[in-house]
C-alpha atoms as a PDB file:
ATOM      1  CA  MET A   1       0.003  -0.002   0.006  1.00  0.00           C
ATOM      2  CA  SER A   2       1.352   3.433  -0.877  1.00  0.00           C
ATOM      3  CA  LEU A   3       1.861   6.095   1.756  1.00  0.00           C
ATOM      4  CA  VAL A   4      -0.921   8.203   0.252  1.00  0.00           C
ATOM      5  CA  ALA A   5      -3.326   5.233   0.268  1.00  0.00           C
ATOM      6  CA  ALA A   6      -2.364   4.431   3.866  1.00  0.00           C
ATOM      7  CA  LEU A   7      -2.981   7.983   4.975  1.00  0.00           C
ATOM      8  CA  LEU A   8      -6.323   8.100   3.114  1.00  0.00           C
ATOM      9  CA  SER A   9      -7.355   4.799   4.731  1.00  0.00           C
ATOM     10  CA  PHE A  10      -6.431   6.163   8.172  1.00  0.00           C
ATOM     11  CA  THR A  11      -8.297   9.408   7.548  1.00  0.00           C
ATOM     12  CA  LEU A  12     -11.487   7.613   6.478  1.00  0.00           C
ATOM     13  CA  ALA A  13     -11.335   5.228   9.415  1.00  0.00           C
ATOM     14  CA  ALA A  14     -10.550   7.804  12.088  1.00  0.00           C
ATOM     15  CA  ALA A  15     -13.377   9.022  14.262  1.00  0.00           C
ATOM     16  CA  PRO A  16     -14.554  12.592  13.513  1.00  0.00           C
ATOM     17  CA  VAL A  17     -13.040  15.314  15.691  1.00  0.00           C
ATOM     18  CA  PRO A  18     -15.573  16.089  18.408  1.00  0.00           C
ATOM     19  CA  VAL A  19     -16.893  19.633  18.520  1.00  0.00           C
ATOM     20  CA  ALA A  20     -16.305  21.313  21.877  1.00  0.00           C
ATOM     21  CA  GLU A  21     -19.501  21.812  23.815  1.00  0.00           C
ATOM     22  CA  HIS A  22     -19.183  25.586  23.906  1.00  0.00           C
ATOM     23  CA  GLU A  23     -17.339  26.163  20.631  1.00  0.00           C
ATOM     24  CA  PHE A  24     -18.763  28.894  18.409  1.00  0.00           C
ATOM     25  CA  HIS A  25     -17.679  31.926  16.410  1.00  0.00           C
ATOM     26  CA  PHE A  26     -19.084  35.395  15.926  1.00  0.00           C
ATOM     27  CA  VAL A  27     -18.213  38.416  13.772  1.00  0.00           C
ATOM     28  CA  VAL A  28     -17.468  41.996  14.843  1.00  0.00           C
ATOM     29  CA  LEU A  29     -18.016  44.813  12.346  1.00  0.00           C
ATOM     30  CA  GLY A  30     -16.673  48.369  12.599  1.00  0.00           C
ATOM     31  CA  ASP A  31     -17.971  51.773  11.598  1.00  0.00           C
ATOM     32  CA  SER A  32     -19.730  51.940   8.241  1.00  0.00           C
ATOM     33  CA  GLN A  33     -21.604  55.293   8.082  1.00  0.00           C
ATOM     34  CA  PHE A  34     -22.391  54.790   4.355  1.00  0.00           C
ATOM     35  CA  HIS A  35     -18.846  55.984   3.474  1.00  0.00           C
ATOM     36  CA  ASP A  36     -18.317  53.027   1.168  1.00  0.00           C
ATOM     37  CA  ALA A  37     -21.593  51.179   0.782  1.00  0.00           C
ATOM     38  CA  PRO A  38     -20.362  48.681  -1.885  1.00  0.00           C
ATOM     39  CA  ALA A  39     -17.448  47.616   0.346  1.00  0.00           C
ATOM     40  CA  PHE A  40     -19.776  47.144   3.336  1.00  0.00           C
ATOM     41  CA  ASN A  41     -22.146  45.139   1.188  1.00  0.00           C
ATOM     42  CA  ARG A  42     -19.277  42.822   0.226  1.00  0.00           C
ATOM     43  CA  ILE A  43     -18.360  42.447   3.878  1.00  0.00           C
ATOM     44  CA  ILE A  44     -21.953  41.447   4.688  1.00  0.00           C
ATOM     45  CA  ASP A  45     -21.819  38.817   1.956  1.00  0.00           C
ATOM     46  CA  ASP A  46     -18.603  37.463   3.501  1.00  0.00           C
ATOM     47  CA  VAL A  47     -20.239  37.367   6.954  1.00  0.00           C
ATOM     48  CA  ARG A  48     -23.181  35.462   5.522  1.00  0.00           C
ATOM     49  CA  ARG A  49     -20.844  32.839   4.108  1.00  0.00           C
ATOM     50  CA  LEU A  50     -19.049  32.463   7.430  1.00  0.00           C
ATOM     51  CA  ARG A  51     -22.380  31.579   9.124  1.00  0.00           C
ATOM     52  CA  PRO A  52     -21.461  32.935  12.546  1.00  0.00           C
ATOM     53  CA  ALA A  53     -23.606  32.504  15.645  1.00  0.00           C
ATOM     54  CA  PHE A  54     -24.284  36.247  15.396  1.00  0.00           C
ATOM     55  CA  ALA A  55     -22.743  39.525  14.132  1.00  0.00           C
ATOM     56  CA  ILE A  56     -22.108  42.589  16.280  1.00  0.00           C
ATOM     57  CA  GLN A  57     -21.443  46.059  14.853  1.00  0.00           C
ATOM     58  CA  VAL A  58     -19.688  48.467  17.237  1.00  0.00           C
ATOM     59  CA  GLY A  59     -21.500  51.655  16.286  1.00  0.00           C
ATOM     60  CA  ASP A  60     -21.687  54.374  13.642  1.00  0.00           C
ATOM     61  CA  MET A  61     -23.924  52.435  11.308  1.00  0.00           C
ATOM     62  CA  ILE A  62     -25.471  55.533   9.698  1.00  0.00           C
ATOM     63  CA  SER A  63     -24.354  59.076   8.892  1.00  0.00           C
ATOM     64  CA  GLY A  64     -26.764  60.647  11.374  1.00  0.00           C
ATOM     65  CA  TYR A  65     -25.893  64.082  12.809  1.00  0.00           C
ATOM     66  CA  THR A  66     -29.360  65.411  11.968  1.00  0.00           C
ATOM     67  CA  ASP A  67     -32.427  66.523  13.896  1.00  0.00           C
ATOM     68  CA  ASP A  68     -34.709  65.330  11.112  1.00  0.00           C
ATOM     69  CA  GLU A  69     -36.324  62.123  12.430  1.00  0.00           C
ATOM     70  CA  GLN A  70     -37.662  61.146   9.020  1.00  0.00           C
ATOM     71  CA  MET A  71     -34.178  61.399   7.564  1.00  0.00           C
ATOM     72  CA  LEU A  72     -32.858  59.236  10.426  1.00  0.00           C
ATOM     73  CA  ARG A  73     -35.522  56.587   9.810  1.00  0.00           C
ATOM     74  CA  GLY A  74     -34.653  56.620   6.104  1.00  0.00           C
ATOM     75  CA  GLU A  75     -30.987  56.034   6.866  1.00  0.00           C
ATOM     76  CA  TRP A  76     -31.889  53.166   9.198  1.00  0.00           C
ATOM     77  CA  ARG A  77     -34.111  51.608   6.546  1.00  0.00           C
ATOM     78  CA  ARG A  78     -31.224  51.765   4.108  1.00  0.00           C
ATOM     79  CA  PHE A  79     -28.894  50.181   6.649  1.00  0.00           C
ATOM     80  CA  GLN A  80     -31.388  47.403   7.409  1.00  0.00           C
ATOM     81  CA  ALA A  81     -31.573  46.709   3.683  1.00  0.00           C
ATOM     82  CA  GLN A  82     -27.763  46.399   3.619  1.00  0.00           C
ATOM     83  CA  ILE A  83     -27.716  43.776   6.380  1.00  0.00           C
ATOM     84  CA  ALA A  84     -30.764  41.915   5.033  1.00  0.00           C
ATOM     85  CA  PRO A  85     -28.555  39.248   3.362  1.00  0.00           C
ATOM     86  CA  LEU A  86     -27.578  38.091   6.860  1.00  0.00           C
ATOM     87  CA  ALA A  87     -31.083  36.575   6.951  1.00  0.00           C
ATOM     88  CA  GLU A  88     -31.216  34.232   9.935  1.00  0.00           C
ATOM     89  CA  THR A  89     -27.866  35.373  11.421  1.00  0.00           C
ATOM     90  CA  PRO A  90     -28.776  37.523  14.425  1.00  0.00           C
ATOM     91  CA  PHE A  91     -27.448  41.102  14.208  1.00  0.00           C
ATOM     92  CA  VAL A  92     -26.530  42.958  17.402  1.00  0.00           C
ATOM     93  CA  PRO A  93     -26.092  46.751  17.070  1.00  0.00           C
ATOM     94  CA  VAL A  94     -23.979  48.911  19.404  1.00  0.00           C
ATOM     95  CA  PRO A  95     -24.879  52.612  19.307  1.00  0.00           C
ATOM     96  CA  GLY A  96     -22.260  55.132  18.225  1.00  0.00           C
ATOM     97  CA  ASN A  97     -22.064  58.918  18.107  1.00  0.00           C
ATOM     98  CA  HIS A  98     -23.315  59.094  14.498  1.00  0.00           C
ATOM     99  CA  ASP A  99     -26.304  56.947  15.496  1.00  0.00           C
ATOM    100  CA  LEU A 100     -27.307  59.062  18.534  1.00  0.00           C
ATOM    101  CA  TYR A 101     -26.044  62.611  17.902  1.00  0.00           C
ATOM    102  CA  GLY A 102     -28.084  65.460  16.497  1.00  0.00           C
ATOM    103  CA  ARG A 103     -27.143  68.309  14.180  1.00  0.00           C
ATOM    104  CA  ASN A 104     -25.006  69.981  16.885  1.00  0.00           C
ATOM    105  CA  LYS A 105     -22.959  66.802  17.337  1.00  0.00           C
ATOM    106  CA  VAL A 106     -24.047  66.183  20.916  1.00  0.00           C
ATOM    107  CA  PRO A 107     -26.244  63.339  22.259  1.00  0.00           C
ATOM    108  CA  SER A 108     -29.811  63.860  21.055  1.00  0.00           C
ATOM    109  CA  GLN A 109     -32.873  62.547  22.834  1.00  0.00           C
ATOM    110  CA  SER A 110     -34.850  62.399  19.583  1.00  0.00           C
ATOM    111  CA  ALA A 111     -32.110  60.459  17.763  1.00  0.00           C
ATOM    112  CA  THR A 112     -31.876  58.131  20.759  1.00  0.00           C
ATOM    113  CA  ASP A 113     -35.632  57.614  20.734  1.00  0.00           C
ATOM    114  CA  VAL A 114     -35.526  56.698  17.013  1.00  0.00           C
ATOM    115  CA  TYR A 115     -32.686  54.260  17.689  1.00  0.00           C
ATOM    116  CA  LYS A 116     -34.674  52.612  20.487  1.00  0.00           C
ATOM    117  CA  GLU A 117     -37.768  52.467  18.308  1.00  0.00           C
ATOM    118  CA  ILE A 118     -35.835  50.493  15.717  1.00  0.00           C
ATOM    119  CA  TRP A 119     -33.337  48.467  17.753  1.00  0.00           C
ATOM    120  CA  GLY A 120     -34.474  48.477  21.386  1.00  0.00           C
ATOM    121  CA  PRO A 121     -32.388  49.442  24.438  1.00  0.00           C
ATOM    122  CA  THR A 122     -29.080  51.218  23.895  1.00  0.00           C
ATOM    123  CA  HIS A 123     -27.432  48.981  26.495  1.00  0.00           C
ATOM    124  CA  HIS A 124     -28.262  45.355  27.240  1.00  0.00           C
ATOM    125  CA  THR A 125     -26.790  41.949  27.912  1.00  0.00           C
ATOM    126  CA  PHE A 126     -27.258  38.404  26.675  1.00  0.00           C
ATOM    127  CA  THR A 127     -25.721  34.977  27.189  1.00  0.00           C
ATOM    128  CA  TYR A 128     -24.517  32.639  24.466  1.00  0.00           C
ATOM    129  CA  ARG A 129     -23.376  29.205  25.642  1.00  0.00           C
ATOM    130  CA  ASN A 130     -20.735  29.808  28.325  1.00  0.00           C
ATOM    131  CA  ALA A 131     -20.174  33.491  27.531  1.00  0.00           C
ATOM    132  CA  ARG A 132     -21.776  36.751  28.686  1.00  0.00           C
ATOM    133  CA  PHE A 133     -22.047  39.584  26.163  1.00  0.00           C
ATOM    134  CA  ILE A 134     -22.571  43.166  27.326  1.00  0.00           C
ATOM    135  CA  VAL A 135     -23.471  46.030  24.962  1.00  0.00           C
ATOM    136  CA  LEU A 136     -22.788  49.540  26.310  1.00  0.00           C
ATOM    137  CA  ASN A 137     -23.702  53.027  25.078  1.00  0.00           C
ATOM    138  CA  SER A 138     -20.691  55.335  25.193  1.00  0.00           C
ATOM    139  CA  ASP A 139     -22.648  58.258  23.695  1.00  0.00           C
ATOM    140  CA  GLY A 140     -25.764  58.521  25.843  1.00  0.00           C
ATOM    141  CA  VAL A 141     -27.802  61.572  26.800  1.00  0.00           C
ATOM    142  CA  GLU A 142     -26.724  60.990  30.405  1.00  0.00           C
ATOM    143  CA  GLY A 143     -23.218  61.935  29.352  1.00  0.00           C
ATOM    144  CA  ALA A 144     -21.161  61.781  26.189  1.00  0.00           C
ATOM    145  CA  ALA A 145     -17.948  59.695  26.207  1.00  0.00           C
ATOM    146  CA  GLU A 146     -18.739  57.997  29.478  1.00  0.00           C
ATOM    147  CA  ILE A 147     -20.623  55.107  31.027  1.00  0.00           C
ATOM    148  CA  GLY A 148     -22.532  56.982  33.684  1.00  0.00           C
ATOM    149  CA  GLY A 149     -25.795  57.470  35.509  1.00  0.00           C
ATOM    150  CA  GLY A 150     -28.331  54.705  35.319  1.00  0.00           C
ATOM    151  CA  GLN A 151     -26.233  52.756  32.827  1.00  0.00           C
ATOM    152  CA  TRP A 152     -23.301  52.655  35.252  1.00  0.00           C
ATOM    153  CA  ARG A 153     -25.511  51.266  38.025  1.00  0.00           C
ATOM    154  CA  TRP A 154     -26.992  48.747  35.573  1.00  0.00           C
ATOM    155  CA  LEU A 155     -23.512  47.622  34.525  1.00  0.00           C
ATOM    156  CA  GLN A 156     -22.413  47.108  38.120  1.00  0.00           C
ATOM    157  CA  LYS A 157     -25.526  45.088  38.867  1.00  0.00           C
ATOM    158  CA  THR A 158     -25.200  43.052  35.666  1.00  0.00           C
ATOM    159  CA  LEU A 159     -21.554  42.120  36.311  1.00  0.00           C
ATOM    160  CA  ARG A 160     -22.343  41.112  39.921  1.00  0.00           C
ATOM    161  CA  LYS A 161     -25.419  39.106  39.046  1.00  0.00           C
ATOM    162  CA  HIS A 162     -24.375  37.244  35.882  1.00  0.00           C
ATOM    163  CA  LYS A 163     -21.251  35.134  36.222  1.00  0.00           C
ATOM    164  CA  SER A 164     -19.907  33.470  33.086  1.00  0.00           C
ATOM    165  CA  ARG A 165     -16.643  31.814  32.124  1.00  0.00           C
ATOM    166  CA  HIS A 166     -16.059  34.432  29.419  1.00  0.00           C
ATOM    167  CA  VAL A 167     -17.255  38.046  29.548  1.00  0.00           C
ATOM    168  CA  PHE A 168     -17.219  40.236  26.420  1.00  0.00           C
ATOM    169  CA  VAL A 169     -17.979  43.961  26.389  1.00  0.00           C
ATOM    170  CA  PHE A 170     -18.819  45.986  23.281  1.00  0.00           C
ATOM    171  CA  LEU A 171     -19.005  49.772  23.046  1.00  0.00           C
ATOM    172  CA  HIS A 172     -18.340  52.393  20.395  1.00  0.00           C
ATOM    173  CA  ARG A 173     -15.661  54.642  21.902  1.00  0.00           C
ATOM    174  CA  PRO A 174     -12.334  53.297  23.094  1.00  0.00           C
ATOM    175  CA  PRO A 175     -12.775  52.700  26.833  1.00  0.00           C
ATOM    176  CA  GLY A 176      -9.454  54.357  27.624  1.00  0.00           C
ATOM    177  CA  GLY A 177     -10.760  57.661  26.306  1.00  0.00           C
ATOM    178  CA  LEU A 178     -13.947  57.771  28.367  1.00  0.00           C
ATOM    179  CA  VAL A 179     -14.482  60.286  31.170  1.00  0.00           C
ATOM    180  CA  ASN A 180     -14.587  57.516  33.783  1.00  0.00           C
ATOM    181  CA  ALA A 181     -12.003  55.258  32.101  1.00  0.00           C
ATOM    182  CA  GLU A 182     -10.131  54.324  35.296  1.00  0.00           C
ATOM    183  CA  ALA A 183     -13.286  53.388  37.205  1.00  0.00           C
ATOM    184  CA  LEU A 184     -14.537  51.360  34.226  1.00  0.00           C
ATOM    185  CA  HIS A 185     -11.217  49.525  33.958  1.00  0.00           C
ATOM    186  CA  ALA A 186     -11.282  48.707  37.674  1.00  0.00           C
ATOM    187  CA  LEU A 187     -14.833  47.398  37.384  1.00  0.00           C
ATOM    188  CA  PHE A 188     -13.909  45.217  34.425  1.00  0.00           C
ATOM    189  CA  ARG A 189     -10.897  43.768  36.261  1.00  0.00           C
ATOM    190  CA  GLU A 190     -12.953  43.145  39.424  1.00  0.00           C
ATOM    191  CA  HIS A 191     -15.514  41.070  37.518  1.00  0.00           C
ATOM    192  CA  GLY A 192     -13.225  39.248  35.105  1.00  0.00           C
ATOM    193  CA  VAL A 193     -14.096  40.987  31.854  1.00  0.00           C
ATOM    194  CA  GLY A 194     -11.682  39.368  29.426  1.00  0.00           C
ATOM    195  CA  TYR A 195     -12.465  41.011  26.073  1.00  0.00           C
ATOM    196  CA  VAL A 196     -13.443  44.550  25.048  1.00  0.00           C
ATOM    197  CA  PHE A 197     -14.299  45.529  21.486  1.00  0.00           C
ATOM    198  CA  TYR A 198     -14.755  49.097  20.275  1.00  0.00           C
ATOM    199  CA  GLY A 199     -14.854  51.176  17.073  1.00  0.00           C
ATOM    200  CA  HIS A 200     -14.763  54.941  16.528  1.00  0.00           C
ATOM    201  CA  HIS A 201     -11.132  55.165  15.379  1.00  0.00           C
ATOM    202  CA  HIS A 202     -10.980  54.213  11.717  1.00  0.00           C
ATOM    203  CA  HIS A 203      -7.730  52.277  11.761  1.00  0.00           C
END
């Protein structure tokens, strides 16, 4: 028997590699803002082919920066059409400054209300297998470039209450640049946050 035939025989006879109980993969997308719609569309097609457990986009999905709610809704409809090819792949949005700011480039209650109308809460948490995922809003009306107010209290409670082997945090702005960066870092270390994903800087 040739070496190739022997290897083929061994491969066919070997038991399949078992899939780890908690093994899965997900995709993280960065800022899009309509700057290059064709490129983003190609990325979405690639994500669809990867068939991840879910996709998370870390903010700045639309151009925003307007006080015109109808214009905002139109931009969100266009964005939803762009991600439609994901079909059954769950999409998890993370709000960014372009998504929540008004014409004056400060957090806008009306833009935030439109976001909530379309996507739900601006901060939330969910579990997937043995991992905890936390979505934060770094551009809220309670304070820009910080995790403060009611969201801070919610984050403390969530980290205390929900213990998971792996804890992932997603927000738009780099955590090191937030107003309360040191307190946030201490909180993450205290509760074993292992992974933090952000956008905003277009590297």
